[in-house]
Amino acid sequence: MRPWCSWITMQAENKRCGYVAIVGRPNVGKSTLLNHILGQKISITSRKPQTTRHQVLGIKTEADHQIIFVDTPGLHKDAGKAINRYMNRAASAAIRDVDLVVFVVDRTAWTEEDAMVLEQIQRAGLPVMLVVNKVDLLADKSDLLPHLQILADKADFAAILPVSALQQHNVSELEAEILRLLPESEHFFPEDQITDRSQRFLAAEIVREKIMRQLGEELPYAITVEIEDFSQENAVLHISAVIFVERKGQKKILIGEKGSRLRSIGSDARRDMEMLFDTKVMLRLWVKVKSGWSDDERALRSLGYDDR
């Protein structure tokens, strides 16, 4: 559902506002693209697929324009576990209720998962922009133009744009194309709001990002994070987070020798939190075993995987 803002009294004339879903298979750079467009980190990133697990709104308001980006988990062909099914539902739901889809692919790669994502997008009957990301990593730039023509033949795209989210190449051009395709409308959110997610959610995601970056090989997808305490005392924000793993061996890996790994994760997370929340943070981390949580629908709901 889209919020109606009673605080708006001006007419919609010349104003543009709309919802834009950023979709694609895992690990094509969707969250990195959103963060660079916003100029602020809202979605966590790592080199590992399935880093993004939830829908996250990123709101950019400039003058008469407001773009409401919906960052989505990567769509998977293999949805055997409950958590994979949850992520597919979250991504699919985002496509149904937007004005425009930004379909992100990785350079000159085209996989069965890309084809599956495109098929699902086309069923929604929405305008689709194709964004070819990570072009800065192409060894031979002459490969790009022939590949863009191949991609253009796959669907009637509203626009095709090669970008590098990390290097911010063509990102402003992408924004201009998005604005061109958005409807005239009042803004749905106050101009100073940048996401619909709570600070507790962002704190949990920051901890999970640091784990993914430090232990992506050892514990790729067996962890989730729950915030137990989030309270301000004087000038210090106190945050207590529980990291759930599925097996005792994973707990040992996560803690590290004499707690060294957990301290390193906590230190990295605390620095990002202090930057995001603009206050001193006291972060406490615990690790608990919750067997089979990633394939248990009830456990997922209790941990905040709520199909929103």
Protein backbone atom coordinates (compact mmCIF):
# COMPACT_ATOMS: atom_id res chain seq x y z
CA MET A 1 0.00 0.00 0.00
CA ARG A 2 1.23 3.51 -0.75
CA PRO A 3 1.04 6.09 2.01
CA TRP A 4 -1.05 9.19 1.41
CA CYS A 5 0.52 12.20 3.01
CA SER A 6 -1.95 14.63 4.56
CA TRP A 7 0.86 17.10 5.10
CA ILE A 8 0.97 17.86 1.35
CA THR A 9 -1.18 20.80 0.25
CA MET A 10 0.45 21.80 -3.05
CA GLN A 11 -0.89 20.60 -6.38
CA ALA A 12 0.86 17.75 -8.18
CA GLU A 13 1.50 19.86 -11.27
CA ASN A 14 5.10 19.37 -12.48
CA LYS A 15 5.88 17.08 -9.55
CA ARG A 16 7.02 13.54 -10.25
CA CYS A 17 6.95 10.66 -7.81
CA GLY A 18 6.85 6.91 -8.11
CA TYR A 19 8.05 3.51 -6.97
CA VAL A 20 10.97 1.88 -8.77
CA ALA A 21 11.89 -1.77 -8.14
CA ILE A 22 15.55 -2.71 -8.57
CA VAL A 23 15.55 -6.38 -9.53
CA GLY A 24 17.94 -8.99 -10.86
CA ARG A 25 19.56 -12.27 -9.99
CA PRO A 26 21.82 -12.40 -6.91
CA ASN A 27 25.08 -10.45 -6.81
CA VAL A 28 24.68 -8.18 -9.84
CA GLY A 29 25.15 -4.99 -7.76
CA LYS A 30 21.57 -3.93 -6.97
CA SER A 31 22.27 -2.72 -3.43
CA THR A 32 25.52 -0.98 -4.41
CA LEU A 33 23.60 0.87 -7.13
CA LEU A 34 20.92 2.00 -4.66
CA ASN A 35 23.48 3.19 -2.09
CA HIS A 36 25.34 5.27 -4.67
CA ILE A 37 22.15 6.84 -6.02
CA LEU A 38 21.09 7.81 -2.49
CA GLY A 39 24.56 8.95 -1.47
CA GLN A 40 24.09 7.01 1.74
CA LYS A 41 24.32 3.38 2.77
CA ILE A 42 20.85 1.90 3.23
CA SER A 43 21.31 -1.62 1.87
CA ILE A 44 24.19 -3.83 3.00
CA THR A 45 26.61 -5.21 0.43
CA SER A 46 29.19 -7.96 0.09
CA ARG A 47 30.70 -10.05 -2.68
CA LYS A 48 28.49 -12.97 -1.65
CA PRO A 49 25.14 -13.70 -3.29
CA GLN A 50 22.02 -13.48 -1.10
CA THR A 51 23.42 -10.61 0.98
CA THR A 52 20.12 -8.73 0.58
CA ARG A 53 17.28 -10.73 2.16
CA HIS A 54 14.53 -8.12 2.65
CA GLN A 55 12.76 -5.43 0.67
CA VAL A 56 14.31 -2.08 1.57
CA LEU A 57 12.94 1.29 0.47
CA GLY A 58 15.44 3.99 -0.41
CA ILE A 59 13.85 7.41 -0.90
CA LYS A 60 15.52 10.20 -2.87
CA THR A 61 13.85 13.61 -2.93
CA GLU A 62 15.22 16.51 -4.93
CA ALA A 63 13.21 19.65 -5.65
CA ASP A 64 9.95 18.52 -7.32
CA HIS A 65 10.96 14.89 -7.76
CA GLN A 66 10.81 11.92 -5.42
CA ILE A 67 12.01 8.44 -6.42
CA ILE A 68 11.11 5.58 -4.08
CA PHE A 69 13.50 2.74 -4.84
CA VAL A 70 12.64 -0.78 -3.74
CA ASP A 71 15.81 -2.82 -3.27
CA THR A 72 14.99 -6.50 -3.52
CA PRO A 73 16.67 -9.84 -2.82
CA GLY A 74 18.06 -11.55 -5.88
CA LEU A 75 15.58 -13.91 -7.53
CA HIS A 76 16.71 -17.56 -7.38
CA LYS A 77 15.97 -20.54 -9.55
CA ASP A 78 16.80 -22.83 -6.63
CA ALA A 79 14.29 -22.02 -3.89
CA GLY A 80 14.53 -25.23 -1.89
CA LYS A 81 14.96 -23.70 1.56
CA ALA A 82 12.33 -21.62 3.31
CA ILE A 83 14.61 -18.58 3.37
CA ASN A 84 15.10 -18.79 -0.41
CA ARG A 85 11.34 -19.01 -0.91
CA TYR A 86 10.92 -15.99 1.37
CA MET A 87 13.43 -13.96 -0.67
CA ASN A 88 11.73 -14.90 -3.94
CA ARG A 89 8.36 -13.84 -2.52
CA ALA A 90 9.82 -10.52 -1.34
CA ALA A 91 11.32 -9.79 -4.76
CA SER A 92 8.19 -10.86 -6.64
CA ALA A 93 5.93 -8.74 -4.41
CA ALA A 94 8.03 -5.66 -5.14
CA ILE A 95 7.49 -6.04 -8.88
CA ARG A 96 3.71 -6.06 -8.54
CA ASP A 97 3.29 -2.65 -6.92
CA VAL A 98 5.69 -0.25 -8.66
CA ASP A 99 5.63 2.20 -11.56
CA LEU A 100 8.90 1.12 -13.14
CA VAL A 101 11.33 -1.80 -12.98
CA VAL A 102 15.11 -1.38 -13.18
CA PHE A 103 16.44 -4.76 -14.28
CA VAL A 104 20.14 -5.11 -13.40
CA VAL A 105 22.46 -7.57 -15.15
CA ASP A 106 26.21 -8.16 -14.83
CA ARG A 107 28.32 -7.00 -17.78
CA THR A 108 28.21 -9.39 -20.74
CA ALA A 109 26.99 -12.35 -18.71
CA TRP A 110 23.49 -13.68 -19.43
CA THR A 111 22.35 -16.67 -17.40
CA GLU A 112 19.28 -18.84 -16.98
CA GLU A 113 18.51 -16.86 -13.83
CA ASP A 114 18.60 -13.59 -15.83
CA ALA A 115 16.13 -15.10 -18.29
CA MET A 116 13.90 -16.23 -15.42
CA VAL A 117 13.92 -12.73 -13.89
CA LEU A 118 13.08 -11.12 -17.24
CA GLU A 119 10.19 -13.53 -17.75
CA GLN A 120 8.76 -12.66 -14.35
CA ILE A 121 9.14 -8.93 -14.97
CA GLN A 122 7.39 -9.17 -18.33
CA ARG A 123 4.39 -10.87 -16.74
CA ALA A 124 3.90 -7.75 -14.60
CA GLY A 125 3.38 -5.62 -17.72
CA LEU A 126 5.43 -2.66 -16.43
CA PRO A 127 7.96 -0.39 -18.13
CA VAL A 128 11.42 -1.94 -17.77
CA MET A 129 14.82 -0.25 -17.90
CA LEU A 130 17.76 -2.56 -18.46
CA VAL A 131 20.90 -1.60 -16.55
CA VAL A 132 24.12 -3.35 -17.51
CA ASN A 133 26.25 -2.98 -14.38
CA LYS A 134 29.99 -3.38 -13.63
CA VAL A 135 31.08 -2.27 -17.11
CA ASP A 136 34.25 -0.88 -15.54
CA LEU A 137 35.37 -4.49 -15.04
CA LEU A 138 35.16 -5.42 -18.73
CA ALA A 139 38.57 -6.48 -19.99
CA ASP A 140 37.66 -5.56 -23.58
CA LYS A 141 35.24 -2.63 -23.85
CA SER A 142 34.62 -3.45 -27.52
CA ASP A 143 32.55 -6.43 -26.35
CA LEU A 144 29.94 -4.12 -24.85
CA LEU A 145 28.14 -2.69 -27.89
CA PRO A 146 27.45 -6.05 -29.60
CA HIS A 147 26.19 -7.42 -26.27
CA LEU A 148 23.87 -4.43 -25.78
CA GLN A 149 22.32 -5.20 -29.18
CA ILE A 150 21.79 -8.84 -28.17
CA LEU A 151 20.09 -7.68 -24.96
CA ALA A 152 17.93 -5.18 -26.85
CA ASP A 153 16.48 -8.05 -28.88
CA LYS A 154 15.32 -9.88 -25.76
CA ALA A 155 12.55 -7.44 -24.83
CA ASP A 156 11.03 -4.03 -25.54
CA PHE A 157 13.02 -2.13 -22.91
CA ALA A 158 12.14 1.49 -22.12
CA ALA A 159 15.88 2.21 -22.01
CA ILE A 160 19.19 0.33 -21.91
CA LEU A 161 22.06 1.87 -19.99
CA PRO A 162 25.56 0.57 -19.22
CA VAL A 163 26.70 1.72 -15.77
CA SER A 164 29.27 1.17 -13.08
CA ALA A 165 27.53 1.61 -9.73
CA LEU A 166 30.84 1.42 -7.86
CA GLN A 167 32.56 4.03 -10.05
CA GLN A 168 29.32 6.03 -10.43
CA HIS A 169 29.63 5.92 -14.21
CA ASN A 170 26.31 6.86 -15.87
CA VAL A 171 24.48 6.83 -12.52
CA SER A 172 23.21 10.41 -12.94
CA GLU A 173 22.08 9.52 -16.48
CA LEU A 174 20.21 6.56 -15.02
CA GLU A 175 18.40 8.85 -12.56
CA ALA A 176 17.43 11.20 -15.40
CA GLU A 177 15.95 8.30 -17.38
CA ILE A 178 14.02 7.10 -14.33
CA LEU A 179 12.55 10.57 -13.74
CA ARG A 180 11.50 10.78 -17.38
CA LEU A 181 9.43 7.60 -16.94
CA LEU A 182 7.83 8.41 -13.58
CA PRO A 183 4.24 9.70 -13.36
CA GLU A 184 3.27 13.18 -12.25
CA SER A 185 2.28 12.88 -8.61
CA GLU A 186 2.54 14.36 -5.16
CA HIS A 187 5.36 13.09 -3.00
CA PHE A 188 4.48 10.12 -0.79
CA PHE A 189 7.13 10.72 1.91
CA PRO A 190 8.55 13.76 3.73
CA GLU A 191 11.58 15.19 1.94
CA ASP A 192 14.00 14.31 4.76
CA GLN A 193 13.04 10.61 4.94
CA ILE A 194 15.50 8.27 3.21
CA THR A 195 14.15 4.81 4.11
CA ASP A 196 11.13 3.08 5.59
CA ARG A 197 13.27 0.78 7.73
CA SER A 198 13.85 1.32 11.46
CA GLN A 199 17.23 1.99 13.05
CA ARG A 200 17.00 -1.41 14.76
CA PHE A 201 16.69 -3.08 11.36
CA LEU A 202 19.63 -1.13 9.96
CA ALA A 203 21.77 -2.05 12.98
CA ALA A 204 21.03 -5.76 12.52
CA GLU A 205 21.85 -5.54 8.83
CA ILE A 206 25.18 -3.83 9.52
CA VAL A 207 26.22 -6.67 11.84
CA ARG A 208 25.18 -9.24 9.23
CA GLU A 209 27.14 -7.42 6.54
CA LYS A 210 30.34 -7.54 8.58
CA ILE A 211 29.87 -11.27 9.13
CA MET A 212 29.26 -11.85 5.41
CA ARG A 213 32.38 -9.90 4.52
CA GLN A 214 34.65 -11.61 7.05
CA LEU A 215 33.21 -15.13 6.98
CA GLY A 216 31.40 -15.43 3.68
CA GLU A 217 33.17 -18.64 2.77
CA GLU A 218 32.86 -20.38 6.12
CA LEU A 219 29.34 -19.23 7.00
CA PRO A 220 27.75 -18.13 3.74
CA TYR A 221 24.05 -18.10 4.61
CA ALA A 222 23.70 -19.82 7.98
CA ILE A 223 23.52 -16.63 10.05
CA THR A 224 20.89 -14.07 10.94
CA VAL A 225 20.89 -11.21 13.45
CA GLU A 226 18.28 -10.02 15.95
CA ILE A 227 18.50 -6.80 17.98
CA GLU A 228 17.55 -7.39 21.62
CA ASP A 229 18.26 -3.91 22.99
CA PHE A 230 18.38 -0.53 21.26
CA SER A 231 18.36 2.29 23.79
CA GLN A 232 19.87 5.74 24.16
CA GLU A 233 21.49 6.58 27.49
CA ASN A 234 22.80 10.14 27.62
CA ALA A 235 25.18 10.49 24.65
CA VAL A 236 25.62 6.74 24.08
CA LEU A 237 23.46 4.41 21.98
CA HIS A 238 23.44 0.93 23.54
CA ILE A 239 22.83 -1.92 21.09
CA SER A 240 22.72 -5.62 21.97
CA ALA A 241 22.57 -8.07 19.07
CA VAL A 242 22.20 -11.85 18.97
CA ILE A 243 23.74 -13.68 16.01
CA PHE A 244 21.96 -16.96 15.31
CA VAL A 245 23.75 -19.84 13.61
CA GLU A 246 22.50 -23.33 12.81
CA ARG A 247 25.27 -25.53 14.26
CA LYS A 248 27.73 -25.51 17.17
CA GLY A 249 30.67 -25.68 14.79
CA GLN A 250 29.49 -22.47 13.12
CA LYS A 251 29.33 -20.76 16.51
CA LYS A 252 32.96 -21.68 17.16
CA ILE A 253 34.04 -20.29 13.78
CA LEU A 254 32.11 -17.06 14.33
CA ILE A 255 33.55 -16.41 17.79
CA GLY A 256 37.11 -17.23 16.70
CA GLU A 257 40.12 -17.96 18.85
CA LYS A 258 39.61 -16.34 22.25
CA GLY A 259 36.79 -14.25 20.75
CA SER A 260 39.03 -12.53 18.20
CA ARG A 261 36.70 -12.89 15.20
CA LEU A 262 33.63 -11.68 17.07
CA ARG A 263 35.55 -8.65 18.40
CA SER A 264 36.67 -7.79 14.86
CA ILE A 265 33.10 -8.04 13.54
CA GLY A 266 31.85 -5.90 16.43
CA SER A 267 34.49 -3.26 15.90
CA ASP A 268 33.74 -2.93 12.17
CA ALA A 269 29.98 -2.84 12.82
CA ARG A 270 30.26 -0.25 15.58
CA ARG A 271 32.20 2.14 13.32
CA ASP A 272 29.51 1.95 10.63
CA MET A 273 26.75 2.42 13.21
CA GLU A 274 28.39 5.50 14.68
CA MET A 275 28.64 6.99 11.19
CA LEU A 276 25.02 6.14 10.35
CA PHE A 277 23.44 7.13 13.67
CA ASP A 278 25.80 10.07 14.33
CA THR A 279 26.38 9.12 17.96
CA LYS A 280 28.70 7.03 20.11
CA VAL A 281 27.65 3.36 20.09
CA MET A 282 28.20 0.65 22.70
CA LEU A 283 27.71 -2.64 20.83
CA ARG A 284 27.42 -6.03 22.48
CA LEU A 285 27.27 -9.25 20.45
CA TRP A 286 26.23 -12.78 21.45
CA VAL A 287 26.16 -15.95 19.36
CA LYS A 288 23.43 -18.58 19.80
CA VAL A 289 22.57 -21.81 18.00
CA LYS A 290 19.08 -22.08 16.49
CA SER A 291 19.07 -25.33 14.56
CA GLY A 292 17.40 -25.29 11.14
CA TRP A 293 16.14 -21.69 11.35
CA SER A 294 16.72 -21.02 7.62
CA ASP A 295 14.35 -23.80 6.56
CA ASP A 296 11.63 -23.22 9.17
CA GLU A 297 8.81 -20.83 8.19
CA ARG A 298 7.80 -20.19 11.81
CA ALA A 299 11.38 -19.49 12.88
CA LEU A 300 11.80 -17.09 9.96
CA ARG A 301 8.71 -15.13 10.97
CA SER A 302 9.94 -14.91 14.57
CA LEU A 303 13.25 -13.52 13.28
CA GLY A 304 11.59 -10.75 11.27
CA TYR A 305 11.23 -12.39 7.86
CA ASP A 306 7.70 -11.13 7.52
CA ASP A 307 6.87 -11.10 3.79
CA ARG A 308 6.26 -7.36 3.92
